[in-house]
Amino acid sequence: MRSTMTLIAIALAATLAACGPSAQEQADKVKAEASKAAEAAANAAKAAAKATEEAAKRAADAAKDAASAASTAASQAGQAAADQAKASADAASAAAKSAASSAGQATKDAGQAAASATQAGAEKTKAGAEAAVQAAKDAAKK
């Protein structure tokens, strides 16, 4: 950029030199203007470098924030899965306890029914035996 501006300044100086005695003054003016333009270009390049640096820093910060958010989301998803697994295990445990309790009650009811049936059978057997004894007594009297 500076070399281009320098060439332009030289060309203008040569052109003005060919124009007469005030050409030297014009050439000095052109040279001063070219120097200002080169300085402005250098300042613009510095500003562009600084802007690029700031943009890179902002991009790095945004990437860091995104990574942090992704990590937090993954952690929350893992915790939710663990909570769901615990809830499922608790529900399964409660269902198993309920089934065991129901099975225990059914076994108790079946035992009571068997005891009642045994008692009824024993009573019928006793009544039958008593009837047979009475029949035998009646038969012996005859």
N, C-alpha and C. Protein backbone atom coordinates (compact mmCIF):
# COMPACT_ATOMS: atom_id res chain seq x y z
N MET A 1 0.83 -1.17 0.00
CA MET A 1 0.00 0.00 0.00
C MET A 1 0.88 1.25 0.00
N ARG A 2 1.92 1.25 0.82
CA ARG A 2 2.81 2.41 0.88
C ARG A 2 3.58 2.58 -0.43
N SER A 3 4.00 1.46 -0.98
CA SER A 3 4.78 1.56 -2.22
C SER A 3 3.91 2.12 -3.35
N THR A 4 2.63 1.75 -3.37
CA THR A 4 1.72 2.29 -4.39
C THR A 4 1.58 3.80 -4.21
N MET A 5 1.41 4.22 -2.99
CA MET A 5 1.26 5.65 -2.72
C MET A 5 2.55 6.40 -3.05
N THR A 6 3.67 5.79 -2.78
CA THR A 6 4.96 6.42 -3.09
C THR A 6 5.12 6.59 -4.60
N LEU A 7 4.73 5.56 -5.35
CA LEU A 7 4.81 5.65 -6.82
C LEU A 7 3.91 6.76 -7.35
N ILE A 8 2.73 6.87 -6.77
CA ILE A 8 1.80 7.92 -7.19
C ILE A 8 2.42 9.29 -6.89
N ALA A 9 3.00 9.40 -5.71
CA ALA A 9 3.61 10.69 -5.33
C ALA A 9 4.76 11.05 -6.26
N ILE A 10 5.57 10.07 -6.63
CA ILE A 10 6.70 10.32 -7.54
C ILE A 10 6.19 10.73 -8.92
N ALA A 11 5.14 10.02 -9.38
CA ALA A 11 4.59 10.36 -10.69
C ALA A 11 4.02 11.77 -10.69
N LEU A 12 3.33 12.12 -9.63
CA LEU A 12 2.78 13.48 -9.56
C LEU A 12 3.90 14.52 -9.46
N ALA A 13 4.94 14.19 -8.71
CA ALA A 13 6.07 15.12 -8.58
C ALA A 13 6.74 15.34 -9.93
N ALA A 14 6.90 14.25 -10.67
CA ALA A 14 7.53 14.36 -12.00
C ALA A 14 6.64 15.19 -12.92
N THR A 15 5.35 15.00 -12.87
CA THR A 15 4.41 15.73 -13.70
C THR A 15 4.46 17.22 -13.35
N LEU A 16 4.47 17.51 -12.08
CA LEU A 16 4.49 18.91 -11.65
C LEU A 16 5.83 19.57 -11.95
N ALA A 17 6.91 18.82 -11.90
CA ALA A 17 8.23 19.36 -12.19
C ALA A 17 8.31 19.83 -13.63
N ALA A 18 7.59 19.16 -14.47
CA ALA A 18 7.60 19.53 -15.88
C ALA A 18 6.78 20.79 -16.13
N CYS A 19 5.99 21.23 -15.17
CA CYS A 19 5.09 22.36 -15.36
C CYS A 19 5.73 23.71 -15.05
N GLY A 20 6.86 23.82 -14.45
CA GLY A 20 7.47 25.13 -14.22
C GLY A 20 8.05 25.26 -12.82
N PRO A 21 8.40 26.55 -12.45
CA PRO A 21 9.09 26.80 -11.18
C PRO A 21 8.25 26.45 -9.96
N SER A 22 6.93 26.54 -9.98
CA SER A 22 6.11 26.20 -8.82
C SER A 22 5.90 24.69 -8.74
N ALA A 23 6.46 23.97 -9.65
CA ALA A 23 6.31 22.51 -9.67
C ALA A 23 6.92 21.90 -8.42
N GLN A 24 8.02 22.47 -7.93
CA GLN A 24 8.66 21.91 -6.72
C GLN A 24 7.71 22.05 -5.54
N GLU A 25 7.06 23.18 -5.43
CA GLU A 25 6.11 23.38 -4.34
C GLU A 25 4.96 22.39 -4.45
N GLN A 26 4.48 22.22 -5.66
CA GLN A 26 3.39 21.26 -5.89
C GLN A 26 3.85 19.84 -5.56
N ALA A 27 5.05 19.52 -5.92
CA ALA A 27 5.59 18.18 -5.65
C ALA A 27 5.69 17.95 -4.15
N ASP A 28 6.12 18.95 -3.40
CA ASP A 28 6.21 18.82 -1.94
C ASP A 28 4.83 18.64 -1.33
N LYS A 29 3.85 19.36 -1.88
CA LYS A 29 2.47 19.21 -1.40
C LYS A 29 1.98 17.78 -1.64
N VAL A 30 2.23 17.32 -2.86
CA VAL A 30 1.78 15.97 -3.22
C VAL A 30 2.47 14.94 -2.33
N LYS A 31 3.76 15.15 -2.09
CA LYS A 31 4.50 14.23 -1.24
C LYS A 31 3.92 14.21 0.17
N ALA A 32 3.58 15.39 0.69
CA ALA A 32 2.99 15.49 2.03
C ALA A 32 1.64 14.77 2.07
N GLU A 33 0.84 14.98 1.02
CA GLU A 33 -0.46 14.32 0.95
C GLU A 33 -0.31 12.80 0.87
N ALA A 34 0.68 12.36 0.09
CA ALA A 34 0.93 10.92 -0.04
C ALA A 34 1.35 10.34 1.30
N SER A 35 2.14 11.09 2.05
CA SER A 35 2.58 10.65 3.37
C SER A 35 1.39 10.52 4.32
N LYS A 36 0.49 11.52 4.25
CA LYS A 36 -0.72 11.47 5.09
C LYS A 36 -1.57 10.27 4.71
N ALA A 37 -1.70 10.03 3.40
CA ALA A 37 -2.50 8.90 2.93
C ALA A 37 -1.89 7.58 3.40
N ALA A 38 -0.56 7.46 3.35
CA ALA A 38 0.12 6.24 3.81
C ALA A 38 -0.09 6.05 5.30
N GLU A 39 -0.03 7.15 6.06
CA GLU A 39 -0.25 7.07 7.50
C GLU A 39 -1.68 6.65 7.80
N ALA A 40 -2.64 7.20 7.05
CA ALA A 40 -4.05 6.82 7.23
C ALA A 40 -4.25 5.35 6.90
N ALA A 41 -3.58 4.86 5.85
CA ALA A 41 -3.69 3.43 5.48
C ALA A 41 -3.11 2.56 6.58
N ALA A 42 -1.99 2.99 7.17
CA ALA A 42 -1.38 2.23 8.27
C ALA A 42 -2.32 2.20 9.47
N ASN A 43 -2.92 3.35 9.77
CA ASN A 43 -3.87 3.40 10.89
C ASN A 43 -5.07 2.50 10.63
N ALA A 44 -5.56 2.49 9.39
CA ALA A 44 -6.69 1.63 9.04
C ALA A 44 -6.32 0.16 9.20
N ALA A 45 -5.09 -0.20 8.80
CA ALA A 45 -4.63 -1.58 8.95
C ALA A 45 -4.56 -1.97 10.42
N LYS A 46 -4.06 -1.02 11.27
CA LYS A 46 -4.00 -1.29 12.71
C LYS A 46 -5.41 -1.48 13.27
N ALA A 47 -6.34 -0.62 12.85
CA ALA A 47 -7.72 -0.73 13.34
C ALA A 47 -8.35 -2.04 12.90
N ALA A 48 -8.07 -2.46 11.66
CA ALA A 48 -8.61 -3.73 11.17
C ALA A 48 -8.05 -4.90 11.97
N ALA A 49 -6.75 -4.85 12.28
CA ALA A 49 -6.12 -5.91 13.08
C ALA A 49 -6.74 -5.97 14.46
N LYS A 50 -6.96 -4.79 15.05
CA LYS A 50 -7.57 -4.75 16.39
C LYS A 50 -9.00 -5.29 16.35
N ALA A 51 -9.76 -4.90 15.33
CA ALA A 51 -11.14 -5.39 15.19
C ALA A 51 -11.15 -6.90 14.99
N THR A 52 -10.21 -7.41 14.22
CA THR A 52 -10.12 -8.86 14.01
C THR A 52 -9.81 -9.57 15.32
N GLU A 53 -8.90 -8.99 16.08
CA GLU A 53 -8.54 -9.58 17.38
C GLU A 53 -9.75 -9.61 18.32
N GLU A 54 -10.48 -8.49 18.37
CA GLU A 54 -11.66 -8.42 19.22
C GLU A 54 -12.74 -9.40 18.77
N ALA A 55 -12.93 -9.53 17.46
CA ALA A 55 -13.92 -10.47 16.94
C ALA A 55 -13.53 -11.90 17.29
N ALA A 56 -12.24 -12.21 17.19
CA ALA A 56 -11.77 -13.55 17.55
C ALA A 56 -12.00 -13.82 19.03
N LYS A 57 -11.76 -12.81 19.86
CA LYS A 57 -11.97 -12.96 21.30
C LYS A 57 -13.45 -13.20 21.59
N ARG A 58 -14.32 -12.42 20.92
CA ARG A 58 -15.76 -12.60 21.12
C ARG A 58 -16.21 -13.98 20.65
N ALA A 59 -15.66 -14.45 19.54
CA ALA A 59 -16.00 -15.78 19.04
C ALA A 59 -15.55 -16.87 20.02
N ALA A 60 -14.37 -16.70 20.59
CA ALA A 60 -13.87 -17.66 21.58
C ALA A 60 -14.76 -17.66 22.81
N ASP A 61 -15.16 -16.47 23.25
CA ASP A 61 -16.06 -16.38 24.41
C ASP A 61 -17.40 -17.03 24.12
N ALA A 62 -17.92 -16.81 22.91
CA ALA A 62 -19.20 -17.42 22.53
C ALA A 62 -19.08 -18.94 22.48
N ALA A 63 -17.96 -19.44 21.96
CA ALA A 63 -17.75 -20.89 21.91
C ALA A 63 -17.66 -21.46 23.32
N LYS A 64 -16.98 -20.72 24.20
CA LYS A 64 -16.87 -21.16 25.60
C LYS A 64 -18.25 -21.21 26.25
N ASP A 65 -19.06 -20.17 26.02
CA ASP A 65 -20.41 -20.13 26.58
C ASP A 65 -21.26 -21.26 26.03
N ALA A 66 -21.14 -21.53 24.74
CA ALA A 66 -21.91 -22.62 24.12
C ALA A 66 -21.50 -23.97 24.70
N ALA A 67 -20.21 -24.16 24.90
CA ALA A 67 -19.72 -25.41 25.48
C ALA A 67 -20.24 -25.57 26.90
N SER A 68 -20.23 -24.48 27.65
CA SER A 68 -20.74 -24.51 29.02
C SER A 68 -22.23 -24.86 29.04
N ALA A 69 -22.98 -24.23 28.14
CA ALA A 69 -24.42 -24.52 28.06
C ALA A 69 -24.68 -25.97 27.67
N ALA A 70 -23.88 -26.48 26.74
CA ALA A 70 -24.04 -27.88 26.33
C ALA A 70 -23.71 -28.82 27.49
N SER A 71 -22.69 -28.48 28.23
CA SER A 71 -22.31 -29.30 29.39
C SER A 71 -23.42 -29.30 30.43
N THR A 72 -23.98 -28.13 30.68
CA THR A 72 -25.08 -28.02 31.64
C THR A 72 -26.29 -28.83 31.18
N ALA A 73 -26.61 -28.73 29.89
CA ALA A 73 -27.75 -29.48 29.35
C ALA A 73 -27.53 -30.98 29.47
N ALA A 74 -26.31 -31.42 29.18
CA ALA A 74 -26.00 -32.85 29.29
C ALA A 74 -26.10 -33.31 30.73
N SER A 75 -25.63 -32.49 31.64
CA SER A 75 -25.71 -32.82 33.06
C SER A 75 -27.16 -32.92 33.52
N GLN A 76 -27.97 -31.97 33.07
CA GLN A 76 -29.39 -31.99 33.44
C GLN A 76 -30.10 -33.20 32.85
N ALA A 77 -29.75 -33.55 31.61
CA ALA A 77 -30.35 -34.73 30.98
C ALA A 77 -29.95 -35.99 31.73
N GLY A 78 -28.69 -36.07 32.14
CA GLY A 78 -28.24 -37.23 32.91
C GLY A 78 -28.96 -37.33 34.24
N GLN A 79 -29.14 -36.19 34.90
CA GLN A 79 -29.84 -36.18 36.18
C GLN A 79 -31.30 -36.59 35.99
N ALA A 80 -31.92 -36.09 34.92
CA ALA A 80 -33.32 -36.45 34.65
C ALA A 80 -33.44 -37.95 34.39
N ALA A 81 -32.49 -38.51 33.66
CA ALA A 81 -32.51 -39.96 33.39
C ALA A 81 -32.34 -40.74 34.69
N ALA A 82 -31.43 -40.28 35.55
CA ALA A 82 -31.22 -40.95 36.83
C ALA A 82 -32.48 -40.86 37.70
N ASP A 83 -33.11 -39.69 37.70
CA ASP A 83 -34.35 -39.53 38.47
C ASP A 83 -35.45 -40.45 37.94
N GLN A 84 -35.55 -40.55 36.61
CA GLN A 84 -36.56 -41.42 36.02
C GLN A 84 -36.29 -42.88 36.35
N ALA A 85 -35.02 -43.27 36.31
CA ALA A 85 -34.66 -44.65 36.64
C ALA A 85 -35.01 -44.96 38.09
N LYS A 86 -34.75 -44.01 38.99
CA LYS A 86 -35.08 -44.21 40.40
C LYS A 86 -36.59 -44.33 40.58
N ALA A 87 -37.33 -43.45 39.90
CA ALA A 87 -38.80 -43.50 40.01
C ALA A 87 -39.32 -44.84 39.49
N SER A 88 -38.74 -45.32 38.39
CA SER A 88 -39.17 -46.61 37.84
C SER A 88 -38.85 -47.74 38.81
N ALA A 89 -37.66 -47.69 39.41
CA ALA A 89 -37.27 -48.72 40.38
C ALA A 89 -38.18 -48.68 41.60
N ASP A 90 -38.52 -47.47 42.07
CA ASP A 90 -39.42 -47.34 43.21
C ASP A 90 -40.81 -47.90 42.88
N ALA A 91 -41.29 -47.61 41.67
CA ALA A 91 -42.60 -48.12 41.26
C ALA A 91 -42.58 -49.65 41.17
N ALA A 92 -41.49 -50.19 40.62
CA ALA A 92 -41.38 -51.65 40.52
C ALA A 92 -41.32 -52.29 41.91
N SER A 93 -40.60 -51.65 42.82
CA SER A 93 -40.51 -52.16 44.19
C SER A 93 -41.88 -52.14 44.86
N ALA A 94 -42.60 -51.04 44.69
CA ALA A 94 -43.94 -50.93 45.28
C ALA A 94 -44.87 -51.98 44.70
N ALA A 95 -44.77 -52.21 43.39
CA ALA A 95 -45.62 -53.22 42.75
C ALA A 95 -45.28 -54.62 43.28
N ALA A 96 -43.98 -54.88 43.46
CA ALA A 96 -43.57 -56.18 43.98
C ALA A 96 -44.07 -56.38 45.41
N LYS A 97 -43.98 -55.33 46.23
CA LYS A 97 -44.47 -55.42 47.61
C LYS A 97 -45.97 -55.67 47.62
N SER A 98 -46.67 -54.96 46.76
CA SER A 98 -48.12 -55.13 46.68
C SER A 98 -48.48 -56.55 46.24
N ALA A 99 -47.75 -57.05 45.24
CA ALA A 99 -48.02 -58.42 44.76
C ALA A 99 -47.71 -59.45 45.85
N ALA A 100 -46.63 -59.22 46.58
CA ALA A 100 -46.27 -60.14 47.66
C ALA A 100 -47.33 -60.11 48.75
N SER A 101 -47.80 -58.91 49.06
CA SER A 101 -48.84 -58.77 50.09
C SER A 101 -50.13 -59.46 49.64
N SER A 102 -50.49 -59.27 48.37
CA SER A 102 -51.70 -59.91 47.84
C SER A 102 -51.55 -61.43 47.83
N ALA A 103 -50.36 -61.91 47.47
CA ALA A 103 -50.12 -63.35 47.46
C ALA A 103 -50.19 -63.90 48.88
N GLY A 104 -49.64 -63.16 49.83
CA GLY A 104 -49.70 -63.59 51.24
C GLY A 104 -51.14 -63.67 51.72
N GLN A 105 -51.93 -62.65 51.36
CA GLN A 105 -53.34 -62.65 51.77
C GLN A 105 -54.08 -63.80 51.11
N ALA A 106 -53.79 -64.06 49.83
CA ALA A 106 -54.46 -65.16 49.13
C ALA A 106 -54.09 -66.51 49.77
N THR A 107 -52.82 -66.65 50.15
CA THR A 107 -52.39 -67.89 50.81
C THR A 107 -53.10 -68.04 52.15
N LYS A 108 -53.21 -66.95 52.89
CA LYS A 108 -53.90 -66.99 54.19
C LYS A 108 -55.37 -67.37 54.00
N ASP A 109 -56.01 -66.74 52.99
CA ASP A 109 -57.42 -67.05 52.72
C ASP A 109 -57.59 -68.52 52.31
N ALA A 110 -56.65 -69.01 51.49
CA ALA A 110 -56.71 -70.41 51.07
C ALA A 110 -56.53 -71.34 52.27
N GLY A 111 -55.63 -70.99 53.16
CA GLY A 111 -55.40 -71.79 54.38
C GLY A 111 -56.65 -71.83 55.24
N GLN A 112 -57.30 -70.67 55.37
CA GLN A 112 -58.53 -70.62 56.17
C GLN A 112 -59.64 -71.46 55.52
N ALA A 113 -59.71 -71.37 54.18
CA ALA A 113 -60.73 -72.14 53.48
C ALA A 113 -60.46 -73.64 53.64
N ALA A 114 -59.17 -74.02 53.57
CA ALA A 114 -58.83 -75.43 53.74
C ALA A 114 -59.14 -75.90 55.16
N ALA A 115 -58.86 -75.04 56.14
CA ALA A 115 -59.16 -75.39 57.54
C ALA A 115 -60.65 -75.54 57.74
N SER A 116 -61.42 -74.62 57.14
CA SER A 116 -62.88 -74.71 57.26
C SER A 116 -63.40 -75.97 56.60
N ALA A 117 -62.83 -76.29 55.42
CA ALA A 117 -63.27 -77.51 54.72
C ALA A 117 -62.91 -78.76 55.52
N THR A 118 -61.72 -78.73 56.12
CA THR A 118 -61.29 -79.88 56.93
C THR A 118 -62.20 -80.04 58.14
N GLN A 119 -62.54 -78.90 58.77
CA GLN A 119 -63.42 -78.95 59.94
C GLN A 119 -64.80 -79.45 59.54
N ALA A 120 -65.31 -78.96 58.42
CA ALA A 120 -66.64 -79.40 57.96
C ALA A 120 -66.60 -80.89 57.64
N GLY A 121 -65.49 -81.32 57.02
CA GLY A 121 -65.36 -82.75 56.71
C GLY A 121 -65.29 -83.58 57.98
N ALA A 122 -64.57 -83.07 58.94
CA ALA A 122 -64.45 -83.80 60.21
C ALA A 122 -65.80 -83.88 60.90
N GLU A 123 -66.54 -82.78 60.86
CA GLU A 123 -67.87 -82.79 61.48
C GLU A 123 -68.80 -83.77 60.77
N LYS A 124 -68.73 -83.81 59.45
CA LYS A 124 -69.57 -84.76 58.70
C LYS A 124 -69.15 -86.20 58.98
N THR A 125 -67.82 -86.39 59.09
CA THR A 125 -67.33 -87.73 59.38
C THR A 125 -67.79 -88.16 60.77
N LYS A 126 -67.73 -87.21 61.71
CA LYS A 126 -68.18 -87.50 63.07
C LYS A 126 -69.66 -87.81 63.09
N ALA A 127 -70.45 -87.01 62.37
CA ALA A 127 -71.89 -87.23 62.30
C ALA A 127 -72.18 -88.57 61.65
N GLY A 128 -71.41 -88.87 60.60
CA GLY A 128 -71.59 -90.17 59.94
C GLY A 128 -71.24 -91.32 60.87
N ALA A 129 -70.15 -91.16 61.62
CA ALA A 129 -69.74 -92.20 62.56
C ALA A 129 -70.78 -92.37 63.65
N GLU A 130 -71.29 -91.24 64.13
CA GLU A 130 -72.33 -91.32 65.16
C GLU A 130 -73.58 -92.00 64.62
N ALA A 131 -73.91 -91.71 63.39
CA ALA A 131 -75.09 -92.34 62.77
C ALA A 131 -74.85 -93.84 62.62
N ALA A 132 -73.60 -94.20 62.25
CA ALA A 132 -73.30 -95.63 62.09
C ALA A 132 -73.35 -96.33 63.43
N VAL A 133 -72.86 -95.69 64.47
CA VAL A 133 -72.91 -96.29 65.81
C VAL A 133 -74.36 -96.45 66.22
N GLN A 134 -75.16 -95.44 65.99
CA GLN A 134 -76.58 -95.51 66.36
C GLN A 134 -77.28 -96.61 65.56
N ALA A 135 -76.90 -96.70 64.29
CA ALA A 135 -77.52 -97.74 63.46
C ALA A 135 -77.11 -99.13 63.99
N ALA A 136 -75.86 -99.23 64.40
CA ALA A 136 -75.40 -100.52 64.92
C ALA A 136 -76.10 -100.83 66.23
N LYS A 137 -76.31 -99.83 67.03
CA LYS A 137 -77.03 -100.04 68.30
C LYS A 137 -78.47 -100.46 68.00
N ASP A 138 -79.09 -99.82 67.09
CA ASP A 138 -80.47 -100.13 66.72
C ASP A 138 -80.55 -101.54 66.16
N ALA A 139 -79.58 -101.92 65.39
CA ALA A 139 -79.58 -103.24 64.80
C ALA A 139 -79.34 -104.29 65.86
N ALA A 140 -78.59 -103.97 66.88
CA ALA A 140 -78.31 -104.93 67.94
C ALA A 140 -79.52 -105.10 68.82
N LYS A 141 -80.35 -104.14 68.96
CA LYS A 141 -81.55 -104.22 69.76
C LYS A 141 -82.57 -105.08 69.07
N LYS A 142 -82.57 -105.23 67.89
CA LYS A 142 -83.59 -105.96 67.17
C LYS A 142 -83.25 -107.36 67.21
